[in-house]
């Protein structure tokens, strides 16, 4: 058993103690890469507590530093840390009927996504997710002018099934379910704090459910958890910033910003 001193090379695991030294060369990071990951950590915190839809930027930043598969597993504990911050602050604002309606189908989507990870590559997955999100964004914009149809959709169980499966699938294969949930919860007409509280609890539970699958695929390792621990202060700082952004942002502006960021995320996934 060795205790390895961490500098800029974290090929070896450590978490406040003595753990087996296991090499993973993809965690050999330079200063610029550390900087990018630090920005991603702050963005995750902000997106969880204040500006939904921004999280896709963090996913993109991490993918710039780490290989696609490893980045999916590495960012998951960071998202959970952000979820904990959001749940802690907005815990009383969740609309549980939407969470319970989506949760069983999200489980189905995660299962499908786990299988897809072993059979599809990024080139195939990213445009697929981008197209789905963009279609949802356009549909939500269209429904704005059809209040009668929107009212019926909010009670539609079929819509919840579809969104639940899509969210579970996309979060498993690329941690990109944020835009889908943004548009769905906006379509449900949730006020800002209820939106953030519902989203916080939903993703907290869903991301916890994903952990055994990601670990089983070898995407979460001791070295990746070491990196997560180092980046935790950035997530906490971002969460603090997000709460303050949310307090100062009017409801209408909040909805517009969320939709614009969701559309931008979809375009990024669709067109690279």
C-alpha atoms as a PDB file:
ATOM      1  CA  UNK A   1       0.000   0.000   0.000  1.00  0.00           C
ATOM      2  CA  UNK A   2       1.440   3.321  -1.018  1.00  0.00           C
ATOM      3  CA  UNK A   3       0.452   6.882  -0.271  1.00  0.00           C
ATOM      4  CA  UNK A   4       1.351   8.897  -3.351  1.00  0.00           C
ATOM      5  CA  UNK A   5       1.814  12.662  -3.113  1.00  0.00           C
ATOM      6  CA  UNK A   6      -0.448  14.419  -5.629  1.00  0.00           C
ATOM      7  CA  UNK A   7       0.990  17.187  -7.748  1.00  0.00           C
ATOM      8  CA  UNK A   8      -0.128  17.768 -11.334  1.00  0.00           C
ATOM      9  CA  UNK A   9       0.031  14.106 -12.157  1.00  0.00           C
ATOM     10  CA  UNK A  10      -2.753  12.093 -10.533  1.00  0.00           C
ATOM     11  CA  UNK A  11      -2.211   8.766 -12.137  1.00  0.00           C
ATOM     12  CA  UNK A  12      -2.559   7.275  -8.675  1.00  0.00           C
ATOM     13  CA  UNK A  13      -5.587   7.233  -6.397  1.00  0.00           C
ATOM     14  CA  UNK A  14      -5.731   8.958  -3.059  1.00  0.00           C
ATOM     15  CA  UNK A  15      -8.599  10.062  -0.884  1.00  0.00           C
ATOM     16  CA  UNK A  16      -7.261  11.219   2.481  1.00  0.00           C
ATOM     17  CA  UNK A  17      -5.538   7.953   3.237  1.00  0.00           C
ATOM     18  CA  UNK A  18      -3.750   4.947   1.887  1.00  0.00           C
ATOM     19  CA  UNK A  19      -5.138   3.269  -1.199  1.00  0.00           C
ATOM     20  CA  UNK A  20      -3.642   0.938  -3.803  1.00  0.00           C
ATOM     21  CA  UNK A  21      -1.604   2.709  -6.468  1.00  0.00           C
ATOM     22  CA  UNK A  22      -3.232   2.051  -9.848  1.00  0.00           C
ATOM     23  CA  UNK A  23      -2.002   3.781 -12.982  1.00  0.00           C
ATOM     24  CA  UNK A  24      -4.386   5.572 -15.318  1.00  0.00           C
ATOM     25  CA  UNK A  25      -2.397   7.684 -17.802  1.00  0.00           C
ATOM     26  CA  UNK A  26      -5.478   9.617 -18.969  1.00  0.00           C
ATOM     27  CA  UNK A  27      -5.406  11.452 -15.628  1.00  0.00           C
ATOM     28  CA  UNK A  28      -1.988  12.978 -16.371  1.00  0.00           C
ATOM     29  CA  UNK A  29      -3.052  16.625 -16.472  1.00  0.00           C
ATOM     30  CA  UNK A  30      -1.321  19.875 -17.344  1.00  0.00           C
ATOM     31  CA  UNK A  31      -2.038  23.318 -15.913  1.00  0.00           C
ATOM     32  CA  UNK A  32      -4.314  24.375 -18.792  1.00  0.00           C
ATOM     33  CA  UNK A  33      -6.329  21.181 -18.413  1.00  0.00           C
ATOM     34  CA  UNK A  34      -6.671  21.794 -14.678  1.00  0.00           C
ATOM     35  CA  UNK A  35      -7.944  25.286 -15.451  1.00  0.00           C
ATOM     36  CA  UNK A  36     -10.573  23.973 -17.856  1.00  0.00           C
ATOM     37  CA  UNK A  37     -11.769  21.408 -15.319  1.00  0.00           C
ATOM     38  CA  UNK A  38     -11.925  24.075 -12.610  1.00  0.00           C
ATOM     39  CA  UNK A  39     -14.155  26.227 -14.826  1.00  0.00           C
ATOM     40  CA  UNK A  40     -16.332  23.178 -15.533  1.00  0.00           C
ATOM     41  CA  UNK A  41     -16.719  22.578 -11.787  1.00  0.00           C
ATOM     42  CA  UNK A  42     -17.906  26.152 -11.202  1.00  0.00           C
ATOM     43  CA  UNK A  43     -20.308  25.892 -14.153  1.00  0.00           C
ATOM     44  CA  UNK A  44     -21.817  22.702 -12.704  1.00  0.00           C
ATOM     45  CA  UNK A  45     -22.508  24.464  -9.409  1.00  0.00           C
ATOM     46  CA  UNK A  46     -24.089  27.470 -11.138  1.00  0.00           C
ATOM     47  CA  UNK A  47     -26.260  25.285 -13.375  1.00  0.00           C
ATOM     48  CA  UNK A  48     -27.592  23.221 -10.475  1.00  0.00           C
ATOM     49  CA  UNK A  49     -28.689  26.108  -8.272  1.00  0.00           C
ATOM     50  CA  UNK A  50     -29.337  29.034 -10.592  1.00  0.00           C
ATOM     51  CA  UNK A  51     -29.088  28.716 -14.375  1.00  0.00           C
ATOM     52  CA  UNK A  52     -30.500  25.412 -15.668  1.00  0.00           C
ATOM     53  CA  UNK A  53     -29.262  24.288 -19.057  1.00  0.00           C
ATOM     54  CA  UNK A  54     -25.783  25.663 -18.440  1.00  0.00           C
ATOM     55  CA  UNK A  55     -24.586  22.244 -17.323  1.00  0.00           C
ATOM     56  CA  UNK A  56     -24.099  21.098 -20.906  1.00  0.00           C
ATOM     57  CA  UNK A  57     -21.203  23.572 -21.106  1.00  0.00           C
ATOM     58  CA  UNK A  58     -19.485  21.748 -18.249  1.00  0.00           C
ATOM     59  CA  UNK A  59     -19.970  18.427 -20.043  1.00  0.00           C
ATOM     60  CA  UNK A  60     -18.370  19.924 -23.159  1.00  0.00           C
ATOM     61  CA  UNK A  61     -15.432  21.381 -21.193  1.00  0.00           C
ATOM     62  CA  UNK A  62     -14.659  18.081 -19.473  1.00  0.00           C
ATOM     63  CA  UNK A  63     -14.805  16.293 -22.836  1.00  0.00           C
ATOM     64  CA  UNK A  64     -12.098  18.683 -24.086  1.00  0.00           C
ATOM     65  CA  UNK A  65      -9.720  17.408 -21.418  1.00  0.00           C
ATOM     66  CA  UNK A  66     -10.558  13.729 -21.059  1.00  0.00           C
ATOM     67  CA  UNK A  67     -11.483  10.965 -23.521  1.00  0.00           C
ATOM     68  CA  UNK A  68     -15.220  10.766 -24.167  1.00  0.00           C
ATOM     69  CA  UNK A  69     -15.993   7.591 -22.196  1.00  0.00           C
ATOM     70  CA  UNK A  70     -13.850   8.543 -19.200  1.00  0.00           C
ATOM     71  CA  UNK A  71     -15.302  12.044 -19.111  1.00  0.00           C
ATOM     72  CA  UNK A  72     -18.812  10.603 -18.767  1.00  0.00           C
ATOM     73  CA  UNK A  73     -17.882   8.736 -15.599  1.00  0.00           C
ATOM     74  CA  UNK A  74     -15.587  11.408 -14.207  1.00  0.00           C
ATOM     75  CA  UNK A  75     -18.217  14.139 -14.325  1.00  0.00           C
ATOM     76  CA  UNK A  76     -20.971  12.065 -12.680  1.00  0.00           C
ATOM     77  CA  UNK A  77     -19.754  12.520  -9.057  1.00  0.00           C
ATOM     78  CA  UNK A  78     -19.335  16.245  -9.797  1.00  0.00           C
ATOM     79  CA  UNK A  79     -22.954  16.428 -10.913  1.00  0.00           C
ATOM     80  CA  UNK A  80     -24.046  14.595  -7.764  1.00  0.00           C
ATOM     81  CA  UNK A  81     -22.119  17.088  -5.625  1.00  0.00           C
ATOM     82  CA  UNK A  82     -23.953  19.909  -7.407  1.00  0.00           C
ATOM     83  CA  UNK A  83     -27.240  18.064  -6.910  1.00  0.00           C
ATOM     84  CA  UNK A  84     -26.594  17.851  -3.161  1.00  0.00           C
ATOM     85  CA  UNK A  85     -26.086  21.627  -3.021  1.00  0.00           C
ATOM     86  CA  UNK A  86     -29.277  22.234  -5.009  1.00  0.00           C
ATOM     87  CA  UNK A  87     -31.347  19.788  -2.954  1.00  0.00           C
ATOM     88  CA  UNK A  88     -30.055  21.353   0.249  1.00  0.00           C
ATOM     89  CA  UNK A  89     -31.195  24.816  -0.822  1.00  0.00           C
ATOM     90  CA  UNK A  90     -34.402  24.041  -2.770  1.00  0.00           C
ATOM     91  CA  UNK A  91     -35.490  20.913  -0.852  1.00  0.00           C
ATOM     92  CA  UNK A  92     -38.888  22.372   0.070  1.00  0.00           C
ATOM     93  CA  UNK A  93     -39.758  23.518  -3.443  1.00  0.00           C
ATOM     94  CA  UNK A  94     -39.969  20.211  -5.325  1.00  0.00           C
ATOM     95  CA  UNK A  95     -43.149  19.186  -7.167  1.00  0.00           C
ATOM     96  CA  UNK A  96     -42.994  15.466  -6.449  1.00  0.00           C
ATOM     97  CA  UNK A  97     -45.821  14.487  -8.763  1.00  0.00           C
ATOM     98  CA  UNK A  98     -43.594  15.245 -11.755  1.00  0.00           C
ATOM     99  CA  UNK A  99     -40.627  13.408 -10.272  1.00  0.00           C
ATOM    100  CA  UNK A 100     -42.699  10.303  -9.509  1.00  0.00           C
ATOM    101  CA  UNK A 101     -44.293  10.427 -12.947  1.00  0.00           C
ATOM    102  CA  UNK A 102     -40.913  10.471 -14.725  1.00  0.00           C
ATOM    103  CA  UNK A 103     -38.752   8.316 -12.435  1.00  0.00           C
ATOM    104  CA  UNK A 104     -39.812   4.782 -13.492  1.00  0.00           C
ATOM    105  CA  UNK A 105     -39.316   5.617 -17.159  1.00  0.00           C
ATOM    106  CA  UNK A 106     -35.985   7.272 -16.489  1.00  0.00           C
ATOM    107  CA  UNK A 107     -34.840   3.932 -15.063  1.00  0.00           C
ATOM    108  CA  UNK A 108     -35.790   2.320 -18.371  1.00  0.00           C
ATOM    109  CA  UNK A 109     -33.870   5.013 -20.247  1.00  0.00           C
ATOM    110  CA  UNK A 110     -30.741   4.524 -18.127  1.00  0.00           C
ATOM    111  CA  UNK A 111     -30.861   0.788 -18.819  1.00  0.00           C
ATOM    112  CA  UNK A 112     -31.123   1.409 -22.558  1.00  0.00           C
ATOM    113  CA  UNK A 113     -28.308   3.961 -22.343  1.00  0.00           C
ATOM    114  CA  UNK A 114     -26.060   1.465 -20.572  1.00  0.00           C
ATOM    115  CA  UNK A 115     -26.479  -0.977 -23.444  1.00  0.00           C
ATOM    116  CA  UNK A 116     -25.961   1.809 -25.988  1.00  0.00           C
ATOM    117  CA  UNK A 117     -22.666   2.850 -24.387  1.00  0.00           C
ATOM    118  CA  UNK A 118     -21.263  -0.536 -25.288  1.00  0.00           C
ATOM    119  CA  UNK A 119     -22.467  -0.379 -28.889  1.00  0.00           C
ATOM    120  CA  UNK A 120     -22.529   3.245 -30.057  1.00  0.00           C
ATOM    121  CA  UNK A 121     -19.795   5.858 -30.280  1.00  0.00           C
ATOM    122  CA  UNK A 122     -19.876   9.630 -29.753  1.00  0.00           C
ATOM    123  CA  UNK A 123     -20.241  10.308 -33.475  1.00  0.00           C
ATOM    124  CA  UNK A 124     -23.506   8.364 -33.500  1.00  0.00           C
ATOM    125  CA  UNK A 125     -24.886   9.452 -30.111  1.00  0.00           C
ATOM    126  CA  UNK A 126     -24.296  13.214 -30.057  1.00  0.00           C
ATOM    127  CA  UNK A 127     -26.329  14.140 -33.185  1.00  0.00           C
ATOM    128  CA  UNK A 128     -29.130  11.867 -32.028  1.00  0.00           C
ATOM    129  CA  UNK A 129     -29.390  13.610 -28.659  1.00  0.00           C
ATOM    130  CA  UNK A 130     -28.985  17.047 -30.247  1.00  0.00           C
ATOM    131  CA  UNK A 131     -31.846  16.369 -32.655  1.00  0.00           C
ATOM    132  CA  UNK A 132     -34.096  15.193 -29.839  1.00  0.00           C
ATOM    133  CA  UNK A 133     -33.396  18.240 -27.677  1.00  0.00           C
ATOM    134  CA  UNK A 134     -33.811  20.665 -30.573  1.00  0.00           C
ATOM    135  CA  UNK A 135     -37.150  19.107 -31.489  1.00  0.00           C
ATOM    136  CA  UNK A 136     -38.324  19.515 -27.887  1.00  0.00           C
ATOM    137  CA  UNK A 137     -37.195  23.155 -27.811  1.00  0.00           C
ATOM    138  CA  UNK A 138     -39.077  23.921 -31.036  1.00  0.00           C
ATOM    139  CA  UNK A 139     -42.126  22.056 -29.765  1.00  0.00           C
ATOM    140  CA  UNK A 140     -42.160  24.040 -26.533  1.00  0.00           C
ATOM    141  CA  UNK A 141     -41.887  27.334 -28.438  1.00  0.00           C
ATOM    142  CA  UNK A 142     -44.786  26.284 -30.671  1.00  0.00           C
ATOM    143  CA  UNK A 143     -46.920  25.282 -27.675  1.00  0.00           C
ATOM    144  CA  UNK A 144     -46.488  28.750 -26.202  1.00  0.00           C
ATOM    145  CA  UNK A 145     -49.052  29.936 -28.750  1.00  0.00           C
ATOM    146  CA  UNK A 146     -51.398  26.989 -28.179  1.00  0.00           C
ATOM    147  CA  UNK A 147     -52.347  27.190 -24.482  1.00  0.00           C
ATOM    148  CA  UNK A 148     -55.172  24.680 -24.875  1.00  0.00           C
ATOM    149  CA  UNK A 149     -52.829  22.023 -26.241  1.00  0.00           C
ATOM    150  CA  UNK A 150     -50.235  22.826 -23.567  1.00  0.00           C
ATOM    151  CA  UNK A 151     -52.861  22.306 -20.881  1.00  0.00           C
ATOM    152  CA  UNK A 152     -53.687  18.837 -22.200  1.00  0.00           C
ATOM    153  CA  UNK A 153     -49.999  17.890 -22.503  1.00  0.00           C
ATOM    154  CA  UNK A 154     -49.302  18.724 -18.863  1.00  0.00           C
ATOM    155  CA  UNK A 155     -51.713  15.913 -17.953  1.00  0.00           C
ATOM    156  CA  UNK A 156     -50.415  13.520 -20.613  1.00  0.00           C
ATOM    157  CA  UNK A 157     -48.940  10.332 -19.197  1.00  0.00           C
ATOM    158  CA  UNK A 158     -47.561   9.422 -22.631  1.00  0.00           C
ATOM    159  CA  UNK A 159     -45.494  12.612 -22.632  1.00  0.00           C
ATOM    160  CA  UNK A 160     -44.071  11.738 -19.213  1.00  0.00           C
ATOM    161  CA  UNK A 161     -43.151   8.265 -20.475  1.00  0.00           C
ATOM    162  CA  UNK A 162     -41.342   9.672 -23.499  1.00  0.00           C
ATOM    163  CA  UNK A 163     -39.510  12.387 -21.581  1.00  0.00           C
ATOM    164  CA  UNK A 164     -38.553   9.981 -18.794  1.00  0.00           C
ATOM    165  CA  UNK A 165     -37.020   7.460 -21.199  1.00  0.00           C
ATOM    166  CA  UNK A 166     -35.243  10.159 -23.217  1.00  0.00           C
ATOM    167  CA  UNK A 167     -33.860  11.833 -20.103  1.00  0.00           C
ATOM    168  CA  UNK A 168     -32.624   8.531 -18.687  1.00  0.00           C
ATOM    169  CA  UNK A 169     -31.014   7.535 -21.980  1.00  0.00           C
ATOM    170  CA  UNK A 170     -29.305  10.857 -22.631  1.00  0.00           C
ATOM    171  CA  UNK A 171     -28.032  11.277 -19.075  1.00  0.00           C
ATOM    172  CA  UNK A 172     -26.467   7.815 -19.179  1.00  0.00           C
ATOM    173  CA  UNK A 173     -24.708   8.138 -22.525  1.00  0.00           C
ATOM    174  CA  UNK A 174     -23.536  11.746 -22.300  1.00  0.00           C
ATOM    175  CA  UNK A 175     -24.861  13.503 -19.163  1.00  0.00           C
ATOM    176  CA  UNK A 176     -26.914  15.674 -21.528  1.00  0.00           C
ATOM    177  CA  UNK A 177     -30.417  15.265 -20.102  1.00  0.00           C
ATOM    178  CA  UNK A 178     -30.457  18.780 -18.681  1.00  0.00           C
ATOM    179  CA  UNK A 179     -31.930  20.490 -21.759  1.00  0.00           C
ATOM    180  CA  UNK A 180     -34.678  17.864 -22.032  1.00  0.00           C
ATOM    181  CA  UNK A 181     -35.748  18.397 -18.420  1.00  0.00           C
ATOM    182  CA  UNK A 182     -35.492  22.172 -18.779  1.00  0.00           C
ATOM    183  CA  UNK A 183     -38.029  22.209 -21.596  1.00  0.00           C
ATOM    184  CA  UNK A 184     -40.312  19.641 -19.946  1.00  0.00           C
ATOM    185  CA  UNK A 185     -40.481  21.486 -16.621  1.00  0.00           C
ATOM    186  CA  UNK A 186     -41.003  24.815 -18.389  1.00  0.00           C
ATOM    187  CA  UNK A 187     -43.843  23.214 -20.348  1.00  0.00           C
ATOM    188  CA  UNK A 188     -45.378  22.182 -17.019  1.00  0.00           C
ATOM    189  CA  UNK A 189     -45.450  25.862 -16.069  1.00  0.00           C
ATOM    190  CA  UNK A 190     -43.471  25.514 -12.841  1.00  0.00           C
ATOM    191  CA  UNK A 191     -42.412  28.741 -11.078  1.00  0.00           C
ATOM    192  CA  UNK A 192     -38.667  29.365 -10.804  1.00  0.00           C
ATOM    193  CA  UNK A 193     -38.064  27.922  -7.327  1.00  0.00           C
ATOM    194  CA  UNK A 194     -40.318  24.919  -7.941  1.00  0.00           C
ATOM    195  CA  UNK A 195     -38.522  24.348 -11.236  1.00  0.00           C
ATOM    196  CA  UNK A 196     -35.128  24.342  -9.519  1.00  0.00           C
ATOM    197  CA  UNK A 197     -36.318  22.205  -6.609  1.00  0.00           C
ATOM    198  CA  UNK A 198     -37.967  19.606  -8.841  1.00  0.00           C
ATOM    199  CA  UNK A 199     -34.951  19.467 -11.134  1.00  0.00           C
ATOM    200  CA  UNK A 200     -32.594  19.180  -8.150  1.00  0.00           C
ATOM    201  CA  UNK A 201     -34.350  16.184  -6.602  1.00  0.00           C
ATOM    202  CA  UNK A 202     -34.938  14.490  -9.944  1.00  0.00           C
ATOM    203  CA  UNK A 203     -31.303  14.618 -11.032  1.00  0.00           C
ATOM    204  CA  UNK A 204     -29.985  13.815  -7.571  1.00  0.00           C
ATOM    205  CA  UNK A 205     -31.942  10.561  -7.486  1.00  0.00           C
ATOM    206  CA  UNK A 206     -31.279   9.755 -11.133  1.00  0.00           C
ATOM    207  CA  UNK A 207     -27.535  10.400 -10.909  1.00  0.00           C
ATOM    208  CA  UNK A 208     -27.259   8.247  -7.783  1.00  0.00           C
ATOM    209  CA  UNK A 209     -29.030   5.470  -9.660  1.00  0.00           C
ATOM    210  CA  UNK A 210     -26.465   5.755 -12.474  1.00  0.00           C
ATOM    211  CA  UNK A 211     -23.425   5.234 -10.232  1.00  0.00           C
ATOM    212  CA  UNK A 212     -23.389   1.391 -10.198  1.00  0.00           C
ATOM    213  CA  UNK A 213     -23.824   1.308 -13.976  1.00  0.00           C
ATOM    214  CA  UNK A 214     -20.953   3.745 -14.558  1.00  0.00           C
ATOM    215  CA  UNK A 215     -18.732   1.924 -12.074  1.00  0.00           C
ATOM    216  CA  UNK A 216     -19.572  -1.392 -13.710  1.00  0.00           C
ATOM    217  CA  UNK A 217     -18.492   0.019 -17.075  1.00  0.00           C
ATOM    218  CA  UNK A 218     -15.183   1.130 -15.543  1.00  0.00           C
ATOM    219  CA  UNK A 219     -16.041   4.821 -15.927  1.00  0.00           C
ATOM    220  CA  UNK A 220     -15.717   5.652 -12.212  1.00  0.00           C
ATOM    221  CA  UNK A 221     -12.346   4.753 -10.671  1.00  0.00           C
ATOM    222  CA  UNK A 222     -10.245   5.732  -7.676  1.00  0.00           C
ATOM    223  CA  UNK A 223      -8.204   8.211  -9.748  1.00  0.00           C
ATOM    224  CA  UNK A 224     -11.357   9.811 -11.136  1.00  0.00           C
ATOM    225  CA  UNK A 225     -12.758  10.166  -7.610  1.00  0.00           C
ATOM    226  CA  UNK A 226      -9.489  11.807  -6.548  1.00  0.00           C
ATOM    227  CA  UNK A 227      -9.930  14.343  -9.313  1.00  0.00           C
ATOM    228  CA  UNK A 228     -13.545  14.909  -8.235  1.00  0.00           C
ATOM    229  CA  UNK A 229     -12.380  15.628  -4.675  1.00  0.00           C
ATOM    230  CA  UNK A 230      -9.911  18.252  -5.883  1.00  0.00           C
ATOM    231  CA  UNK A 231     -12.582  20.015  -7.950  1.00  0.00           C
ATOM    232  CA  UNK A 232     -15.224  20.021  -5.197  1.00  0.00           C
ATOM    233  CA  UNK A 233     -14.462  23.600  -4.007  1.00  0.00           C
ATOM    234  CA  UNK A 234     -15.208  24.884  -7.514  1.00  0.00           C
ATOM    235  CA  UNK A 235     -18.611  23.181  -7.450  1.00  0.00           C
ATOM    236  CA  UNK A 236     -19.414  24.712  -4.061  1.00  0.00           C
ATOM    237  CA  UNK A 237     -18.384  28.161  -5.287  1.00  0.00           C
ATOM    238  CA  UNK A 238     -20.557  27.749  -8.378  1.00  0.00           C
ATOM    239  CA  UNK A 239     -23.533  26.630  -6.274  1.00  0.00           C
ATOM    240  CA  UNK A 240     -23.197  29.754  -4.125  1.00  0.00           C
ATOM    241  CA  UNK A 241     -23.059  31.926  -7.255  1.00  0.00           C
ATOM    242  CA  UNK A 242     -26.052  30.141  -8.790  1.00  0.00           C
ATOM    243  CA  UNK A 243     -28.302  30.808  -5.815  1.00  0.00           C
ATOM    244  CA  UNK A 244     -27.545  34.505  -6.079  1.00  0.00           C
ATOM    245  CA  UNK A 245     -28.163  34.562  -9.815  1.00  0.00           C
ATOM    246  CA  UNK A 246     -31.528  32.864  -9.287  1.00  0.00           C
ATOM    247  CA  UNK A 247     -32.591  35.370  -6.627  1.00  0.00           C
ATOM    248  CA  UNK A 248     -31.919  38.311  -8.928  1.00  0.00           C
ATOM    249  CA  UNK A 249     -33.411  36.835 -12.098  1.00  0.00           C
ATOM    250  CA  UNK A 250     -37.095  37.601 -12.868  1.00  0.00           C
ATOM    251  CA  UNK A 251     -39.348  34.628 -13.698  1.00  0.00           C
ATOM    252  CA  UNK A 252     -39.750  35.578 -17.358  1.00  0.00           C
ATOM    253  CA  UNK A 253     -36.044  36.135 -17.853  1.00  0.00           C
ATOM    254  CA  UNK A 254     -35.360  32.804 -16.134  1.00  0.00           C
ATOM    255  CA  UNK A 255     -37.590  30.963 -18.620  1.00  0.00           C
ATOM    256  CA  UNK A 256     -36.045  32.712 -21.626  1.00  0.00           C
ATOM    257  CA  UNK A 257     -32.467  32.046 -20.486  1.00  0.00           C
ATOM    258  CA  UNK A 258     -33.265  28.387 -19.813  1.00  0.00           C
ATOM    259  CA  UNK A 259     -34.758  27.899 -23.284  1.00  0.00           C
ATOM    260  CA  UNK A 260     -31.933  29.720 -25.069  1.00  0.00           C
ATOM    261  CA  UNK A 261     -29.297  27.641 -23.286  1.00  0.00           C
ATOM    262  CA  UNK A 262     -31.202  24.447 -24.059  1.00  0.00           C
ATOM    263  CA  UNK A 263     -31.364  25.380 -27.755  1.00  0.00           C
ATOM    264  CA  UNK A 264     -27.639  26.220 -27.776  1.00  0.00           C
ATOM    265  CA  UNK A 265     -26.846  22.886 -26.174  1.00  0.00           C
ATOM    266  CA  UNK A 266     -28.933  21.074 -28.784  1.00  0.00           C
ATOM    267  CA  UNK A 267     -27.159  22.902 -31.629  1.00  0.00           C
ATOM    268  CA  UNK A 268     -23.776  22.031 -30.121  1.00  0.00           C
ATOM    269  CA  UNK A 269     -24.655  18.356 -29.904  1.00  0.00           C
ATOM    270  CA  UNK A 270     -26.229  18.297 -33.344  1.00  0.00           C
ATOM    271  CA  UNK A 271     -23.614  20.194 -35.307  1.00  0.00           C
ATOM    272  CA  UNK A 272     -20.518  19.665 -33.144  1.00  0.00           C
END
